[in-house]
């Protein structure tokens, strides 16, 4: 399996938002402290690394599928959330499978 794109999910992250702006990709991770939203962290996704993983960075569906696969490979169960706004390509609630 190709694994050039590394998500580096923060341990406390509970939601992930995949964003696309001007043909650039990135993910926002948000942690939860009880029922209160906590810290937000951003990670840029390099289009060249997507290409190395045989993913066309211009194909939103392919990028979404790849990120879902990378979340699973990192040991996370990801439940897709409804799209929120135009810049958000996809968002998920996540739970580390080792934490269940």
N, C-alpha and C. Protein backbone atom coordinates (compact mmCIF):
# COMPACT_ATOMS: atom_id res chain seq x y z
N UNK A 1 0.84 -1.18 0.00
CA UNK A 1 0.00 0.00 0.00
C UNK A 1 0.88 1.24 0.00
N UNK A 2 0.53 2.20 -0.83
CA UNK A 2 1.26 3.45 -0.85
C UNK A 2 0.94 4.23 0.42
N UNK A 3 1.95 4.86 0.97
CA UNK A 3 1.71 5.59 2.21
C UNK A 3 2.58 6.83 2.31
N UNK A 4 2.62 7.59 1.24
CA UNK A 4 3.41 8.81 1.26
C UNK A 4 2.73 9.92 2.06
N UNK A 5 1.40 9.97 2.00
CA UNK A 5 0.65 10.97 2.76
C UNK A 5 0.54 10.48 4.19
N UNK A 6 1.11 11.22 5.11
CA UNK A 6 1.05 10.89 6.54
C UNK A 6 0.20 11.96 7.22
N UNK A 7 -0.82 11.51 7.93
CA UNK A 7 -1.76 12.46 8.51
C UNK A 7 -1.32 13.02 9.86
N UNK A 8 -0.49 12.30 10.59
CA UNK A 8 -0.02 12.76 11.91
C UNK A 8 -1.19 13.26 12.76
N UNK A 9 -2.15 12.38 12.98
CA UNK A 9 -3.34 12.72 13.75
C UNK A 9 -2.96 12.97 15.20
N UNK A 10 -3.30 14.14 15.75
CA UNK A 10 -3.02 14.39 17.16
C UNK A 10 -3.80 13.39 18.03
N UNK A 11 -3.22 12.89 19.11
CA UNK A 11 -3.88 11.86 19.92
C UNK A 11 -5.25 12.27 20.46
N UNK A 12 -5.46 13.53 20.75
CA UNK A 12 -6.73 13.98 21.31
C UNK A 12 -7.77 14.35 20.25
N UNK A 13 -7.42 14.24 18.97
CA UNK A 13 -8.35 14.65 17.90
C UNK A 13 -9.59 13.78 17.90
N UNK A 14 -10.73 14.42 17.70
CA UNK A 14 -12.01 13.71 17.62
C UNK A 14 -12.79 14.05 16.36
N UNK A 15 -12.39 15.11 15.67
CA UNK A 15 -13.00 15.43 14.37
C UNK A 15 -11.91 15.81 13.39
N UNK A 16 -12.19 15.54 12.12
CA UNK A 16 -11.27 15.86 11.03
C UNK A 16 -12.07 16.57 9.96
N UNK A 17 -11.54 17.67 9.44
CA UNK A 17 -12.14 18.35 8.30
C UNK A 17 -11.10 18.41 7.19
N UNK A 18 -11.48 17.93 6.03
CA UNK A 18 -10.63 17.98 4.84
C UNK A 18 -11.05 19.19 4.03
N UNK A 19 -10.12 20.10 3.81
CA UNK A 19 -10.42 21.34 3.11
C UNK A 19 -9.62 21.44 1.82
N UNK A 20 -10.24 22.10 0.85
CA UNK A 20 -9.57 22.37 -0.42
C UNK A 20 -9.79 23.83 -0.77
N UNK A 21 -8.70 24.53 -0.98
CA UNK A 21 -8.76 25.92 -1.43
C UNK A 21 -7.67 26.14 -2.46
N UNK A 22 -8.08 26.70 -3.57
CA UNK A 22 -7.11 27.01 -4.63
C UNK A 22 -6.24 25.81 -4.98
N UNK A 23 -6.89 24.65 -5.08
CA UNK A 23 -6.19 23.41 -5.43
C UNK A 23 -5.15 22.99 -4.41
N UNK A 24 -5.32 23.42 -3.17
CA UNK A 24 -4.44 22.99 -2.07
C UNK A 24 -5.30 22.26 -1.06
N UNK A 25 -4.73 21.21 -0.47
CA UNK A 25 -5.45 20.39 0.49
C UNK A 25 -4.86 20.55 1.88
N UNK A 26 -5.73 20.39 2.85
CA UNK A 26 -5.28 20.40 4.24
C UNK A 26 -6.33 19.76 5.12
N UNK A 27 -5.92 19.40 6.32
CA UNK A 27 -6.85 18.84 7.30
C UNK A 27 -6.77 19.63 8.59
N UNK A 28 -7.92 19.85 9.17
CA UNK A 28 -8.02 20.44 10.50
C UNK A 28 -8.45 19.34 11.46
N UNK A 29 -7.76 19.23 12.56
CA UNK A 29 -8.12 18.31 13.62
C UNK A 29 -8.62 19.12 14.80
N UNK A 30 -9.72 18.68 15.39
CA UNK A 30 -10.24 19.34 16.59
C UNK A 30 -10.35 18.30 17.69
N UNK A 31 -9.85 18.67 18.85
CA UNK A 31 -9.96 17.79 20.01
C UNK A 31 -11.19 18.17 20.82
N UNK A 32 -11.61 17.27 21.67
CA UNK A 32 -12.72 17.54 22.57
C UNK A 32 -12.24 17.34 24.00
N UNK A 33 -12.65 18.21 24.87
CA UNK A 33 -12.38 18.09 26.29
C UNK A 33 -13.73 17.91 26.97
N UNK A 34 -14.12 16.66 27.17
CA UNK A 34 -15.48 16.38 27.61
C UNK A 34 -16.43 16.68 26.47
N UNK A 35 -17.38 17.58 26.69
CA UNK A 35 -18.31 17.98 25.64
C UNK A 35 -17.92 19.32 25.01
N UNK A 36 -16.76 19.85 25.41
CA UNK A 36 -16.33 21.17 24.95
C UNK A 36 -15.26 21.00 23.87
N UNK A 37 -15.43 21.75 22.76
CA UNK A 37 -14.42 21.69 21.71
C UNK A 37 -13.13 22.30 22.20
N UNK A 38 -12.04 21.64 21.90
CA UNK A 38 -10.74 22.10 22.35
C UNK A 38 -9.88 22.61 21.22
N UNK A 39 -8.65 22.26 21.27
CA UNK A 39 -7.62 22.75 20.37
C UNK A 39 -7.85 22.33 18.92
N UNK A 40 -7.44 23.21 18.02
CA UNK A 40 -7.50 22.93 16.58
C UNK A 40 -6.07 22.90 16.05
N UNK A 41 -5.78 21.88 15.25
CA UNK A 41 -4.47 21.79 14.60
C UNK A 41 -4.67 21.60 13.11
N UNK A 42 -3.78 22.17 12.32
CA UNK A 42 -3.86 22.10 10.87
C UNK A 42 -2.65 21.36 10.32
N UNK A 43 -2.88 20.56 9.30
CA UNK A 43 -1.80 19.88 8.57
C UNK A 43 -2.04 20.08 7.07
N UNK A 44 -1.02 20.54 6.38
CA UNK A 44 -1.06 20.68 4.92
C UNK A 44 -0.84 19.31 4.29
N UNK A 45 -1.55 19.03 3.21
CA UNK A 45 -1.34 17.79 2.45
C UNK A 45 -0.69 18.17 1.13
N UNK A 46 0.50 17.72 0.93
CA UNK A 46 1.29 18.04 -0.25
C UNK A 46 0.72 17.31 -1.47
N UNK A 47 0.38 18.05 -2.51
CA UNK A 47 -0.18 17.46 -3.74
C UNK A 47 0.79 16.47 -4.37
N UNK A 48 2.09 16.72 -4.26
CA UNK A 48 3.08 15.79 -4.82
C UNK A 48 3.04 14.44 -4.10
N UNK A 49 2.78 14.47 -2.78
CA UNK A 49 2.68 13.21 -2.04
C UNK A 49 1.41 12.46 -2.43
N UNK A 50 0.32 13.20 -2.69
CA UNK A 50 -0.89 12.54 -3.19
C UNK A 50 -0.58 11.84 -4.52
N UNK A 51 0.13 12.52 -5.40
CA UNK A 51 0.47 11.92 -6.70
C UNK A 51 1.33 10.67 -6.51
N UNK A 52 2.28 10.71 -5.57
CA UNK A 52 3.10 9.53 -5.30
C UNK A 52 2.26 8.36 -4.81
N UNK A 53 1.13 8.65 -4.17
CA UNK A 53 0.20 7.62 -3.73
C UNK A 53 -0.81 7.29 -4.82
N UNK A 54 -0.55 7.73 -6.05
CA UNK A 54 -1.45 7.50 -7.20
C UNK A 54 -2.83 8.09 -7.01
N UNK A 55 -2.88 9.28 -6.38
CA UNK A 55 -4.13 10.00 -6.17
C UNK A 55 -4.02 11.32 -6.91
N UNK A 56 -5.01 11.61 -7.75
CA UNK A 56 -5.05 12.87 -8.48
C UNK A 56 -5.54 13.96 -7.53
N UNK A 57 -4.71 14.95 -7.21
CA UNK A 57 -5.13 16.00 -6.28
C UNK A 57 -6.28 16.86 -6.80
N UNK A 58 -6.59 16.76 -8.08
CA UNK A 58 -7.72 17.50 -8.65
C UNK A 58 -9.03 16.71 -8.58
N UNK A 59 -8.98 15.47 -8.12
CA UNK A 59 -10.15 14.61 -8.01
C UNK A 59 -10.58 14.55 -6.54
N UNK A 60 -11.55 15.37 -6.19
CA UNK A 60 -11.99 15.48 -4.80
C UNK A 60 -12.41 14.13 -4.22
N UNK A 61 -13.16 13.36 -4.97
CA UNK A 61 -13.61 12.04 -4.49
C UNK A 61 -12.45 11.12 -4.19
N UNK A 62 -11.42 11.15 -5.04
CA UNK A 62 -10.25 10.30 -4.83
C UNK A 62 -9.48 10.74 -3.59
N UNK A 63 -9.37 12.05 -3.38
CA UNK A 63 -8.66 12.55 -2.20
C UNK A 63 -9.42 12.17 -0.93
N UNK A 64 -10.74 12.32 -0.95
CA UNK A 64 -11.55 11.94 0.22
C UNK A 64 -11.36 10.46 0.54
N UNK A 65 -11.46 9.61 -0.48
CA UNK A 65 -11.29 8.16 -0.27
C UNK A 65 -9.90 7.85 0.27
N UNK A 66 -8.89 8.54 -0.24
CA UNK A 66 -7.53 8.30 0.21
C UNK A 66 -7.35 8.70 1.68
N UNK A 67 -7.91 9.84 2.06
CA UNK A 67 -7.79 10.29 3.44
C UNK A 67 -8.53 9.33 4.37
N UNK A 68 -9.71 8.87 3.96
CA UNK A 68 -10.42 7.87 4.76
C UNK A 68 -9.56 6.61 4.95
N UNK A 69 -8.91 6.18 3.87
CA UNK A 69 -8.04 5.01 3.95
C UNK A 69 -6.85 5.25 4.86
N UNK A 70 -6.28 6.45 4.79
CA UNK A 70 -5.13 6.77 5.66
C UNK A 70 -5.56 6.83 7.13
N UNK A 71 -6.77 7.33 7.40
CA UNK A 71 -7.28 7.33 8.78
C UNK A 71 -7.41 5.90 9.30
N UNK A 72 -7.98 5.02 8.47
CA UNK A 72 -8.10 3.61 8.88
C UNK A 72 -6.74 3.00 9.11
N UNK A 73 -5.79 3.28 8.21
CA UNK A 73 -4.45 2.71 8.34
C UNK A 73 -3.75 3.21 9.61
N UNK A 74 -4.13 4.41 10.06
CA UNK A 74 -3.55 4.97 11.29
C UNK A 74 -4.27 4.46 12.54
N UNK A 75 -5.27 3.59 12.35
CA UNK A 75 -5.95 2.99 13.49
C UNK A 75 -7.18 3.75 13.97
N UNK A 76 -7.81 4.52 13.08
CA UNK A 76 -8.99 5.30 13.46
C UNK A 76 -10.24 4.79 12.75
N UNK A 77 -11.33 4.74 13.52
CA UNK A 77 -12.65 4.54 12.92
C UNK A 77 -13.14 5.93 12.56
N UNK A 78 -13.57 6.11 11.33
CA UNK A 78 -14.00 7.43 10.85
C UNK A 78 -15.44 7.35 10.38
N UNK A 79 -16.30 8.17 10.98
CA UNK A 79 -17.70 8.25 10.57
C UNK A 79 -17.91 9.57 9.86
N UNK A 80 -18.29 9.49 8.59
CA UNK A 80 -18.45 10.68 7.76
C UNK A 80 -19.58 11.55 8.28
N UNK A 81 -19.35 12.84 8.31
CA UNK A 81 -20.35 13.81 8.73
C UNK A 81 -20.91 14.51 7.49
N UNK A 82 -22.11 15.10 7.61
CA UNK A 82 -22.65 15.86 6.47
C UNK A 82 -21.71 17.03 6.13
N UNK A 83 -21.62 17.34 4.85
CA UNK A 83 -20.79 18.47 4.43
C UNK A 83 -21.33 19.76 5.05
N UNK A 84 -20.42 20.63 5.45
CA UNK A 84 -20.79 21.83 6.16
C UNK A 84 -20.79 23.08 5.30
N UNK A 85 -19.80 23.22 4.46
CA UNK A 85 -19.71 24.41 3.61
C UNK A 85 -18.82 24.08 2.42
N UNK A 86 -18.76 24.99 1.48
CA UNK A 86 -18.08 24.73 0.21
C UNK A 86 -16.61 24.33 0.35
N UNK A 87 -15.87 25.00 1.20
CA UNK A 87 -14.44 24.72 1.30
C UNK A 87 -14.17 23.37 1.96
N UNK A 88 -15.15 22.84 2.70
CA UNK A 88 -14.98 21.55 3.37
C UNK A 88 -15.37 20.45 2.40
N UNK A 89 -14.38 19.67 1.98
CA UNK A 89 -14.65 18.57 1.06
C UNK A 89 -15.30 17.41 1.79
N UNK A 90 -14.88 17.19 3.05
CA UNK A 90 -15.43 16.11 3.86
C UNK A 90 -15.05 16.36 5.31
N UNK A 91 -15.85 15.80 6.19
CA UNK A 91 -15.49 15.85 7.61
C UNK A 91 -15.92 14.55 8.27
N UNK A 92 -15.21 14.18 9.32
CA UNK A 92 -15.44 12.92 10.01
C UNK A 92 -15.36 13.12 11.51
N UNK A 93 -16.12 12.32 12.23
CA UNK A 93 -15.89 12.10 13.65
C UNK A 93 -14.97 10.90 13.71
N UNK A 94 -13.93 10.98 14.51
CA UNK A 94 -12.98 9.86 14.56
C UNK A 94 -12.82 9.36 16.00
N UNK A 95 -12.47 8.10 16.09
CA UNK A 95 -12.15 7.48 17.38
C UNK A 95 -11.01 6.50 17.14
N UNK A 96 -9.99 6.62 17.97
CA UNK A 96 -8.86 5.69 17.84
C UNK A 96 -9.33 4.32 18.25
N UNK A 97 -9.13 3.31 17.43
CA UNK A 97 -9.63 1.99 17.68
C UNK A 97 -9.03 1.37 18.95
N UNK A 98 -7.84 1.77 19.31
CA UNK A 98 -7.22 1.28 20.54
C UNK A 98 -7.82 1.88 21.78
N UNK A 99 -8.61 2.97 21.63
CA UNK A 99 -9.18 3.67 22.78
C UNK A 99 -10.58 3.17 23.13
N UNK A 100 -11.15 2.33 22.29
CA UNK A 100 -12.53 1.87 22.52
C UNK A 100 -12.60 0.85 23.63
